[in-house]
Amino acid sequence: MINLVCFLEEPSAREMLSGLFSRLLPANVTPFMIPFEGKQDLERQLVRKMRGWQKPKSVFLVMRDQDSSNCEKVKAKLTGLCAEAGKPDAVVRIACRELESFYFGDLAAVEAGLKLHGLMAQKNKAKYRIPDDIGNPAEELMKLTNNVYQKISGSRAIGPHLNPDANASHSFKVLVAGVRRLVAAGQAGA
């Protein structure tokens, strides 16, 4: 049994990953989700929480939104905090711009999760073609869904429908590849 420990910026990421992991993780992997109250809280507590994790056979994922920050600097800072905690092999993933970019990468999942119709027709619009370039994807998704989408309940509804192998968001693809790599490393070390 492998423990996949996820340190997350916010509760909506926990909801999305819980649904996605039901499709992505093998049965011998148990995910543990540890959401924080924003990026400052994550950065302030990460070393202590990670260092204090006691379950054997654990691998670590840290995920947060890029927002308007420099992606490389954010990742370098979080990677440094993981090393400080004694977990240099932790995988750090940044959602380029926000978690909702992942949803724009799979509008079929949004349609299915929120029980809406007609969103798939939007995927070829110039402003949605590259999901990671959408300036404020959370706000944009609320507009596109006429406020049906809300961060936590929407993430809970959409997560189980996200296809881990077909998403237009590059940062989502990198997240999935990182999780698969962690699981493989955990299995090899088990």
Foldseek 3Di string as FASTA:
>chain_A
DAEEEEEEFALLVVLLVVQQCVVQPDPVYHYDYHYAPGDVRCLVCVLVVLLPDDDPLYAYEYEYECAPHDPVVVQVSVCVSCVSSVRNVHHYAYQQHHPLLQCLQPVVLLCQLLVHPDVVVVCPPPLSVASSPNNDNVVVVCVSVVNSDDRRSSSNSSNNVRDQVGTNYPSSVVVSVSVVVRVVVSVVVD
